[in-house]
């Protein structure tokens, strides 16, 4: 069991590094934490992420159910959780709105442009820059 666990953790590290580059998250500090108990919502939750865009920090919590998933499912989980880094500025604005705070037009545009620029970089990286 310990060998399988160690192999899965190395596999996750490989996925994190692979997708960090594809998703243009090289400037982000991504830390992986292993949680010993299942998520409160049940074993179908394999991971969750907390992001902090001003400091470009990403904490990825991995739950025990990840060890029962296939390689493909584990990679999908890593991609899904890392995508939160791309959209987190929009999430921060929505949370401020939920709290009754005012969001300026400049803040809205800055957050939207940040996400759009990330997506542009990802897509160009996947298909190449065809303007040449």
Protein backbone atom coordinates (compact mmCIF):
# COMPACT_ATOMS: atom_id res chain seq x y z
CA UNK A 1 0.00 0.00 0.00
CA UNK A 2 2.81 2.45 0.87
CA UNK A 3 4.48 1.79 -2.48
CA UNK A 4 1.24 2.42 -4.39
CA UNK A 5 0.65 5.58 -2.37
CA UNK A 6 4.18 6.85 -3.07
CA UNK A 7 3.78 6.07 -6.78
CA UNK A 8 0.47 7.95 -6.96
CA UNK A 9 1.98 10.96 -5.19
CA UNK A 10 4.87 11.04 -7.69
CA UNK A 11 2.33 10.70 -10.51
CA UNK A 12 0.38 13.71 -9.14
CA UNK A 13 3.60 15.74 -8.93
CA UNK A 14 4.25 14.91 -12.59
CA UNK A 15 0.76 16.02 -13.60
CA UNK A 16 1.12 19.24 -11.63
CA UNK A 17 4.37 20.08 -13.41
CA UNK A 18 3.04 19.08 -16.84
CA UNK A 19 -0.14 21.15 -16.54
CA UNK A 20 1.57 24.05 -14.77
CA UNK A 21 3.40 24.65 -18.04
CA UNK A 22 0.44 24.04 -20.35
CA UNK A 23 -1.79 26.35 -18.28
CA UNK A 24 0.93 29.03 -17.99
CA UNK A 25 1.06 28.83 -14.19
CA UNK A 26 4.86 28.88 -13.94
CA UNK A 27 4.78 31.92 -11.64
CA UNK A 28 2.41 30.25 -9.18
CA UNK A 29 3.61 28.46 -6.05
CA UNK A 30 1.63 25.22 -6.01
CA UNK A 31 1.73 23.15 -2.84
CA UNK A 32 0.17 19.72 -2.53
CA UNK A 33 -1.13 18.53 0.83
CA UNK A 34 -2.32 15.03 1.63
CA UNK A 35 -5.41 14.98 3.83
CA UNK A 36 -5.86 11.83 5.90
CA UNK A 37 -9.66 11.96 6.15
CA UNK A 38 -12.22 11.90 3.36
CA UNK A 39 -13.87 15.16 2.34
CA UNK A 40 -16.97 16.03 4.38
CA UNK A 41 -19.07 15.75 1.19
CA UNK A 42 -17.96 12.15 0.66
CA UNK A 43 -15.34 10.06 -1.16
CA UNK A 44 -16.38 11.29 -4.61
CA UNK A 45 -14.42 14.47 -3.76
CA UNK A 46 -10.78 13.66 -4.51
CA UNK A 47 -9.27 17.12 -4.09
CA UNK A 48 -9.94 20.78 -3.50
CA UNK A 49 -7.90 23.88 -4.04
CA UNK A 50 -7.48 27.23 -2.35
CA UNK A 51 -6.02 30.06 -4.42
CA UNK A 52 -4.64 33.49 -3.62
CA UNK A 53 -4.08 35.47 -6.81
CA UNK A 54 -2.27 38.52 -5.39
CA UNK A 55 0.42 36.20 -4.02
CA UNK A 56 0.05 33.56 -6.76
CA UNK A 57 -0.36 30.74 -4.24
CA UNK A 58 -2.27 27.52 -4.81
CA UNK A 59 -2.85 24.94 -2.08
CA UNK A 60 -4.04 21.62 -3.46
CA UNK A 61 -5.55 19.31 -0.85
CA UNK A 62 -5.72 15.68 -1.93
CA UNK A 63 -8.11 13.28 -0.18
CA UNK A 64 -7.62 9.50 0.32
CA UNK A 65 -10.16 8.63 -2.40
CA UNK A 66 -7.60 9.79 -5.00
CA UNK A 67 -5.69 6.54 -4.51
CA UNK A 68 -8.69 4.56 -5.75
CA UNK A 69 -9.06 6.51 -9.00
CA UNK A 70 -7.54 5.69 -12.38
CA UNK A 71 -4.54 7.56 -13.77
CA UNK A 72 -6.83 9.36 -16.20
CA UNK A 73 -9.16 10.45 -13.40
CA UNK A 74 -6.21 11.68 -11.33
CA UNK A 75 -4.86 13.74 -14.22
CA UNK A 76 -8.33 15.17 -14.87
CA UNK A 77 -8.53 16.16 -11.19
CA UNK A 78 -5.17 17.98 -11.35
CA UNK A 79 -6.22 19.90 -14.47
CA UNK A 80 -9.60 20.78 -12.94
CA UNK A 81 -8.06 22.05 -9.70
CA UNK A 82 -5.29 24.02 -11.44
CA UNK A 83 -7.88 25.72 -13.66
CA UNK A 84 -9.14 27.39 -10.50
CA UNK A 85 -5.90 29.42 -10.58
CA UNK A 86 -6.97 30.84 -13.94
CA UNK A 87 -10.47 31.90 -12.92
CA UNK A 88 -9.79 32.82 -9.29
CA UNK A 89 -9.74 36.59 -9.88
CA UNK A 90 -13.29 36.39 -11.18
CA UNK A 91 -14.23 34.27 -8.16
CA UNK A 92 -12.73 36.88 -5.84
CA UNK A 93 -14.86 39.60 -7.46
CA UNK A 94 -18.00 37.47 -7.16
CA UNK A 95 -17.29 36.86 -3.47
CA UNK A 96 -16.90 40.59 -2.91
CA UNK A 97 -20.23 41.19 -4.64
CA UNK A 98 -21.86 38.51 -2.49
CA UNK A 99 -20.54 40.34 0.55
CA UNK A 100 -22.23 43.55 -0.57
CA UNK A 101 -19.05 45.30 -1.69
CA UNK A 102 -18.79 47.45 -4.78
CA UNK A 103 -16.61 46.27 -7.65
CA UNK A 104 -15.33 49.01 -9.91
CA UNK A 105 -15.45 48.71 -13.67
CA UNK A 106 -11.64 48.76 -13.72
CA UNK A 107 -11.49 45.80 -11.30
CA UNK A 108 -14.00 43.89 -13.41
CA UNK A 109 -12.10 44.58 -16.64
CA UNK A 110 -8.73 43.76 -15.04
CA UNK A 111 -10.04 40.40 -13.77
CA UNK A 112 -11.67 39.57 -17.10
CA UNK A 113 -8.56 40.52 -19.09
CA UNK A 114 -6.40 38.45 -16.74
CA UNK A 115 -8.49 35.34 -17.40
CA UNK A 116 -8.74 36.07 -21.12
CA UNK A 117 -4.97 36.54 -21.41
CA UNK A 118 -4.34 33.23 -19.63
CA UNK A 119 -6.77 31.40 -21.92
CA UNK A 120 -5.19 33.02 -24.98
CA UNK A 121 -1.74 31.88 -23.90
CA UNK A 122 -2.98 28.35 -23.28
CA UNK A 123 -4.71 28.06 -26.64
CA UNK A 124 -1.81 29.55 -28.60
CA UNK A 125 0.52 27.19 -26.75
CA UNK A 126 -1.61 24.19 -27.73
CA UNK A 127 -2.04 24.99 -31.44
CA UNK A 128 0.85 27.31 -32.09
CA UNK A 129 0.87 30.90 -33.22
CA UNK A 130 -0.54 30.77 -36.77
CA UNK A 131 -0.01 34.47 -37.45
CA UNK A 132 3.47 33.76 -38.77
